[in-house]
Amino acid sequence: MPTVHLPDRILIRLDGPDTEHFLQNIITTDLDQLPAGHAKPGALLTPQGKIMFDFLVSRTSDEGLMLDCRADVADDLLRRLMMYRLRAKVDISKQDQLFILASWDNDSSASEIDSTGDASLVDARFPPSQKVYRVYSTARTGSAAIEDYVALRIAHGVVESGSDYQLSDAFPHDILLDLAGGVGFRKGCYVGQEVVSRMQHRGTARRRVMLVKADSPLPASGSELTVNGRTIGTLGSVSGKHGISIVRIDRVKDALDAGTPIEAQSIPVELSIPSWADYTLPQADSGDLD
């Protein structure tokens, strides 16, 4: 069972009688659909519908909620949550004493892993065929390297801010939050909800996550993907010949129809849709929302 410590992540805990109501009204995830033992993706958006913070949200054993987020933006997220809190009875604090681990290729159930005393949760961003657990532990352990976990994310099309896109530069649809259970389309209003709902109902999402593959090692993260010199996306995380990118799928479709190569620094690449992602390349131009 490979296990890796994720030093760039930290936990923010929310407790109090108003916790769930407070968070339900500001983040994309529908907490009514959040079962115990699972960590689901979510985001806090700008009023214009772009991702200001991304995280995993889960339940604690005593009915609180936990946000698993990037350590370098945790203080900013904490301040933003405090700003929205107003008179709500919610205590919000960073959990510096807990380490965040990821483990996979384990045949045990989450409840069996919980017997160790650590909080172990199914990472809902990954498909059921590839069980990945998020472990919140008082011990910093790990048998695998960060590169192993990055390769796992790439293989399943799981993107994270900082590595694969920049905060305030992507809509939830761009990173497949709408398909990964990270957006509640039947819940009430939340910050940025109007824009996200409009993209959903009009089908105007034109940037999507795609897997990148080449016959030789890919260039570094941040390299542009181009068609005839025109940029269609940027490489995010890279592991040898495999990578991940958020691309303009209408331009990908045009290139495929025309038989035009897609390249990353002159290296021909193939793009594919993650196996779990239920979207298709557009059949006709219906406009876009940049």
Protein backbone atom coordinates (compact mmCIF):
# COMPACT_ATOMS: atom_id res chain seq x y z
CA MET A 1 0.00 0.00 0.00
CA PRO A 2 1.87 3.12 -1.19
CA THR A 3 1.46 6.04 1.20
CA VAL A 4 2.79 9.54 0.68
CA HIS A 5 2.95 12.56 2.96
CA LEU A 6 1.65 15.73 1.29
CA PRO A 7 3.62 18.56 2.94
CA ASP A 8 1.99 21.26 0.84
CA ARG A 9 -1.48 20.59 2.31
CA ILE A 10 -3.12 21.64 5.59
CA LEU A 11 -6.48 21.15 7.30
CA ILE A 12 -9.00 23.80 8.33
CA ARG A 13 -11.64 22.63 10.78
CA LEU A 14 -15.11 24.10 11.22
CA ASP A 15 -17.18 23.35 14.34
CA GLY A 16 -20.36 24.71 15.88
CA PRO A 17 -24.15 24.46 15.52
CA ASP A 18 -24.24 26.58 12.34
CA THR A 19 -21.31 24.91 10.59
CA GLU A 20 -23.10 22.97 7.88
CA HIS A 21 -25.64 25.71 7.10
CA PHE A 22 -22.84 28.29 6.92
CA LEU A 23 -20.63 26.29 4.57
CA GLN A 24 -23.52 25.02 2.43
CA ASN A 25 -24.38 28.63 1.56
CA ILE A 26 -20.93 29.60 0.27
CA ILE A 27 -19.16 26.60 -1.34
CA THR A 28 -19.93 24.62 -4.50
CA THR A 29 -20.24 21.18 -2.85
CA ASP A 30 -23.70 20.01 -1.81
CA LEU A 31 -23.15 18.96 1.80
CA ASP A 32 -26.50 17.18 1.85
CA GLN A 33 -24.83 14.67 -0.50
CA LEU A 34 -21.63 14.31 1.53
CA PRO A 35 -21.52 10.90 3.26
CA ALA A 36 -19.33 10.15 6.24
CA GLY A 37 -16.03 8.53 5.30
CA HIS A 38 -15.67 10.47 2.05
CA ALA A 39 -13.69 13.55 1.06
CA LYS A 40 -15.37 15.35 -1.84
CA PRO A 41 -13.89 18.12 -3.96
CA GLY A 42 -15.22 21.64 -3.67
CA ALA A 43 -14.42 25.28 -4.18
CA LEU A 44 -15.12 28.76 -2.92
CA LEU A 45 -15.75 30.97 -5.93
CA THR A 46 -15.52 34.61 -6.80
CA PRO A 47 -18.84 36.31 -7.55
CA GLN A 48 -17.89 35.92 -11.23
CA GLY A 49 -17.84 32.13 -10.80
CA LYS A 50 -14.10 31.49 -10.90
CA ILE A 51 -12.29 29.33 -8.35
CA MET A 52 -10.80 31.40 -5.53
CA PHE A 53 -9.92 28.34 -3.39
CA ASP A 54 -10.13 24.60 -4.05
CA PHE A 55 -10.19 21.89 -1.39
CA LEU A 56 -11.54 18.55 -0.24
CA VAL A 57 -14.39 18.69 2.27
CA SER A 58 -15.25 15.91 4.74
CA ARG A 59 -17.10 15.27 7.97
CA THR A 60 -15.36 14.85 11.33
CA SER A 61 -16.42 12.24 13.88
CA ASP A 62 -18.26 14.84 15.98
CA GLU A 63 -20.29 16.41 13.16
CA GLY A 64 -17.86 19.16 12.27
CA LEU A 65 -16.43 19.69 8.80
CA MET A 66 -12.85 19.65 7.56
CA LEU A 67 -11.33 21.44 4.57
CA ASP A 68 -8.16 19.92 3.11
CA CYS A 69 -6.48 22.77 1.22
CA ARG A 70 -3.16 24.13 -0.03
CA ALA A 71 -0.97 25.25 2.87
CA ASP A 72 0.30 28.34 1.05
CA VAL A 73 -3.20 29.83 0.70
CA ALA A 74 -4.71 28.49 3.94
CA ASP A 75 -4.45 31.80 5.79
CA ASP A 76 -6.21 33.58 2.92
CA LEU A 77 -8.97 30.96 2.92
CA LEU A 78 -9.30 31.27 6.69
CA ARG A 79 -9.71 35.04 6.44
CA ARG A 80 -12.29 34.67 3.68
CA LEU A 81 -14.31 32.19 5.75
CA MET A 82 -14.15 34.56 8.74
CA MET A 83 -15.43 37.36 6.55
CA TYR A 84 -18.46 35.31 5.47
CA ARG A 85 -19.14 33.98 8.96
CA LEU A 86 -20.76 37.16 10.36
CA ARG A 87 -22.91 36.05 13.33
CA ALA A 88 -22.95 32.34 12.50
CA LYS A 89 -21.96 30.10 15.41
CA VAL A 90 -18.94 28.50 13.78
CA ASP A 91 -15.40 28.06 15.09
CA ILE A 92 -12.79 28.01 12.33
CA SER A 93 -9.18 26.96 12.92
CA LYS A 94 -6.15 25.43 11.22
CA GLN A 95 -5.17 21.94 12.35
CA ASP A 96 -1.37 22.19 12.30
CA GLN A 97 -0.95 19.04 14.40
CA LEU A 98 -2.33 16.73 11.70
CA PHE A 99 -0.42 15.47 8.68
CA ILE A 100 -2.16 14.82 5.37
CA LEU A 101 -1.34 11.53 3.65
CA ALA A 102 -2.59 9.82 0.51
CA SER A 103 -2.66 6.04 0.13
CA TRP A 104 -3.82 3.74 -2.65
CA ASP A 105 -3.82 0.13 -3.90
CA ASN A 106 -5.34 -0.98 -0.62
CA ASP A 107 -7.92 -3.77 -0.40
CA SER A 108 -9.19 -2.69 3.02
CA SER A 109 -12.34 -0.70 3.50
CA ALA A 110 -12.20 2.79 4.94
CA SER A 111 -13.68 1.58 8.22
CA GLU A 112 -10.94 -1.04 8.56
CA ILE A 113 -8.26 1.55 7.99
CA ASP A 114 -9.94 3.76 10.60
CA SER A 115 -9.04 1.18 13.22
CA THR A 116 -5.53 2.65 13.27
CA GLY A 117 -6.93 5.77 14.90
CA ASP A 118 -6.31 8.00 11.89
CA ALA A 119 -9.12 9.69 9.97
CA SER A 120 -9.18 7.77 6.66
CA LEU A 121 -11.49 8.92 3.89
CA VAL A 122 -12.23 7.85 0.34
CA ASP A 123 -10.95 10.53 -2.04
CA ALA A 124 -14.04 10.97 -4.21
CA ARG A 125 -12.11 12.64 -7.04
CA PHE A 126 -10.83 9.24 -8.17
CA PRO A 127 -13.04 6.62 -9.88
CA PRO A 128 -14.31 3.66 -7.83
CA SER A 129 -11.97 1.36 -9.75
CA GLN A 130 -8.99 3.17 -8.21
CA LYS A 131 -9.61 3.59 -4.49
CA VAL A 132 -7.50 6.39 -3.07
CA TYR A 133 -7.67 7.32 0.60
CA ARG A 134 -7.01 10.63 2.27
CA VAL A 135 -5.51 10.02 5.71
CA TYR A 136 -5.37 12.69 8.43
CA SER A 137 -2.80 11.45 10.90
CA THR A 138 -0.75 12.57 13.88
CA ALA A 139 2.19 10.64 12.41
CA ARG A 140 4.10 11.74 9.34
CA THR A 141 4.65 8.49 7.51
CA GLY A 142 5.06 7.54 3.88
CA SER A 143 6.49 4.74 1.75
CA ALA A 144 6.06 6.48 -1.61
CA ALA A 145 7.43 9.61 -3.25
CA ILE A 146 5.42 12.68 -4.22
CA GLU A 147 6.17 11.79 -7.84
CA ASP A 148 4.23 8.53 -7.43
CA TYR A 149 1.16 10.42 -6.27
CA VAL A 150 1.49 12.97 -9.08
CA ALA A 151 1.62 10.11 -11.60
CA LEU A 152 -1.53 8.67 -10.03
CA ARG A 153 -3.34 12.00 -10.33
CA ILE A 154 -2.27 12.37 -13.94
CA ALA A 155 -3.44 8.86 -14.85
CA HIS A 156 -6.94 9.64 -13.60
CA GLY A 157 -7.26 13.26 -14.67
CA VAL A 158 -7.33 14.71 -11.15
CA VAL A 159 -6.12 18.32 -11.21
CA GLU A 160 -5.14 20.62 -8.35
CA SER A 161 -4.57 24.35 -8.25
CA GLY A 162 -0.98 25.50 -8.25
CA SER A 163 0.16 22.38 -10.11
CA ASP A 164 -2.37 22.35 -12.95
CA TYR A 165 -4.11 25.73 -12.98
CA GLN A 166 -4.01 29.06 -11.19
CA LEU A 167 -6.60 30.23 -8.69
CA SER A 168 -9.02 32.90 -9.99
CA ASP A 169 -8.30 31.67 -13.54
CA ALA A 170 -10.66 28.70 -13.91
CA PHE A 171 -14.34 27.89 -13.66
CA PRO A 172 -15.51 24.70 -11.87
CA HIS A 173 -16.40 23.14 -15.23
CA ASP A 174 -12.83 23.70 -16.46
CA ILE A 175 -11.45 21.32 -13.83
CA LEU A 176 -14.37 18.83 -14.02
CA LEU A 177 -15.82 19.73 -10.62
CA ASP A 178 -19.26 19.41 -12.21
CA LEU A 179 -18.54 15.75 -13.04
CA ALA A 180 -16.61 14.83 -9.88
CA GLY A 181 -19.39 15.65 -7.41
CA GLY A 182 -17.88 19.00 -6.50
CA VAL A 183 -20.81 21.16 -7.65
CA GLY A 184 -24.34 20.88 -6.31
CA PHE A 185 -26.77 21.88 -9.04
CA ARG A 186 -29.85 21.21 -6.89
CA LYS A 187 -28.74 23.05 -3.77
CA GLY A 188 -29.55 26.66 -2.97
CA CYS A 189 -27.51 29.70 -3.86
CA TYR A 190 -23.81 30.00 -3.08
CA VAL A 191 -21.14 32.48 -4.10
CA GLY A 192 -20.76 32.41 -7.92
CA GLN A 193 -23.67 30.01 -8.37
CA GLU A 194 -25.43 32.02 -11.10
CA VAL A 195 -22.49 31.83 -13.52
CA VAL A 196 -21.88 28.13 -12.85
CA SER A 197 -25.55 27.28 -13.38
CA ARG A 198 -25.64 29.26 -16.61
CA MET A 199 -22.62 27.37 -17.97
CA GLN A 200 -24.28 24.08 -17.02
CA HIS A 201 -27.65 24.79 -18.60
CA ARG A 202 -26.30 26.45 -21.74
CA GLY A 203 -23.50 23.96 -22.24
CA THR A 204 -20.98 26.76 -22.74
CA ALA A 205 -18.01 25.11 -21.02
CA ARG A 206 -15.21 25.04 -23.56
CA ARG A 207 -12.20 24.32 -21.35
CA ARG A 208 -11.89 20.82 -19.95
CA VAL A 209 -9.29 18.52 -18.41
CA MET A 210 -7.64 16.15 -20.88
CA LEU A 211 -4.88 13.58 -20.52
CA VAL A 212 -1.70 14.19 -22.52
CA LYS A 213 0.52 11.44 -23.90
CA ALA A 214 3.65 11.51 -26.06
CA ASP A 215 6.14 8.97 -27.45
CA SER A 216 9.00 10.81 -25.72
CA PRO A 217 9.25 12.65 -22.38
CA LEU A 218 7.02 15.70 -22.26
CA PRO A 219 8.44 19.17 -21.68
CA ALA A 220 8.12 20.86 -18.32
CA SER A 221 4.88 21.87 -16.66
CA GLY A 222 3.79 25.26 -17.98
CA SER A 223 4.68 24.48 -21.60
CA GLU A 224 2.02 25.44 -24.12
CA LEU A 225 -0.01 22.97 -26.16
CA THR A 226 -0.35 24.34 -29.68
CA VAL A 227 -2.03 23.68 -33.01
CA ASN A 228 -0.34 25.43 -35.93
CA GLY A 229 1.31 27.73 -33.42
CA ARG A 230 -1.99 28.62 -31.75
CA THR A 231 -2.22 27.90 -28.03
CA ILE A 232 -5.04 25.56 -26.97
CA GLY A 233 -3.88 24.85 -23.41
CA THR A 234 -0.97 24.59 -21.03
CA LEU A 235 0.68 21.51 -19.57
CA GLY A 236 -0.03 21.03 -15.90
CA SER A 237 1.55 18.16 -13.97
CA VAL A 238 3.95 15.97 -15.96
CA SER A 239 5.28 12.46 -15.32
CA GLY A 240 7.59 11.23 -18.07
CA LYS A 241 5.57 10.72 -21.24
CA HIS A 242 2.26 11.48 -19.52
CA GLY A 243 0.73 14.75 -18.41
CA ILE A 244 -2.48 16.61 -17.79
CA SER A 245 -3.83 19.83 -19.21
CA ILE A 246 -6.87 22.08 -19.25
CA VAL A 247 -7.52 22.72 -22.93
CA ARG A 248 -9.99 24.35 -25.28
CA ILE A 249 -11.90 21.27 -26.38
CA ASP A 250 -13.46 23.04 -29.37
CA ARG A 251 -9.96 23.68 -30.72
CA VAL A 252 -8.95 20.09 -29.97
CA LYS A 253 -11.95 18.89 -32.00
CA ASP A 254 -11.05 21.19 -34.90
CA ALA A 255 -7.48 19.86 -34.90
CA LEU A 256 -8.64 16.24 -34.85
CA ASP A 257 -11.14 16.82 -37.66
CA ALA A 258 -8.47 18.51 -39.79
CA GLY A 259 -5.77 15.96 -38.94
CA THR A 260 -3.57 18.75 -37.62
CA PRO A 261 -0.92 17.74 -35.06
CA ILE A 262 -1.19 18.94 -31.48
CA GLU A 263 2.24 19.71 -30.05
CA ALA A 264 4.04 20.59 -26.85
CA GLN A 265 7.27 22.37 -27.77
CA SER A 266 7.34 20.58 -31.14
CA ILE A 267 6.66 17.18 -29.54
CA PRO A 268 3.52 15.57 -31.03
CA VAL A 269 1.01 14.61 -28.34
CA GLU A 270 -2.23 12.71 -28.08
CA LEU A 271 -5.09 14.01 -25.96
CA SER A 272 -7.79 11.88 -24.38
CA ILE A 273 -10.74 12.32 -22.02
CA PRO A 274 -10.29 10.79 -18.53
CA SER A 275 -12.15 7.47 -18.45
CA TRP A 276 -14.53 8.58 -15.70
CA ALA A 277 -15.35 12.00 -17.19
CA ASP A 278 -18.78 12.11 -18.82
CA TYR A 279 -18.24 14.76 -21.46
CA THR A 280 -17.65 14.69 -25.20
CA LEU A 281 -15.88 16.94 -27.65
CA PRO A 282 -18.23 19.57 -29.12
CA GLN A 283 -19.92 18.81 -32.42
CA ALA A 284 -20.58 22.43 -33.36
CA ASP A 285 -19.52 25.84 -32.10
CA SER A 286 -22.04 27.07 -29.54
CA GLY A 287 -19.96 29.93 -28.19
CA ASP A 288 -17.71 29.99 -25.18
CA LEU A 289 -17.28 31.68 -21.84
CA ASP A 290 -13.67 32.70 -21.16
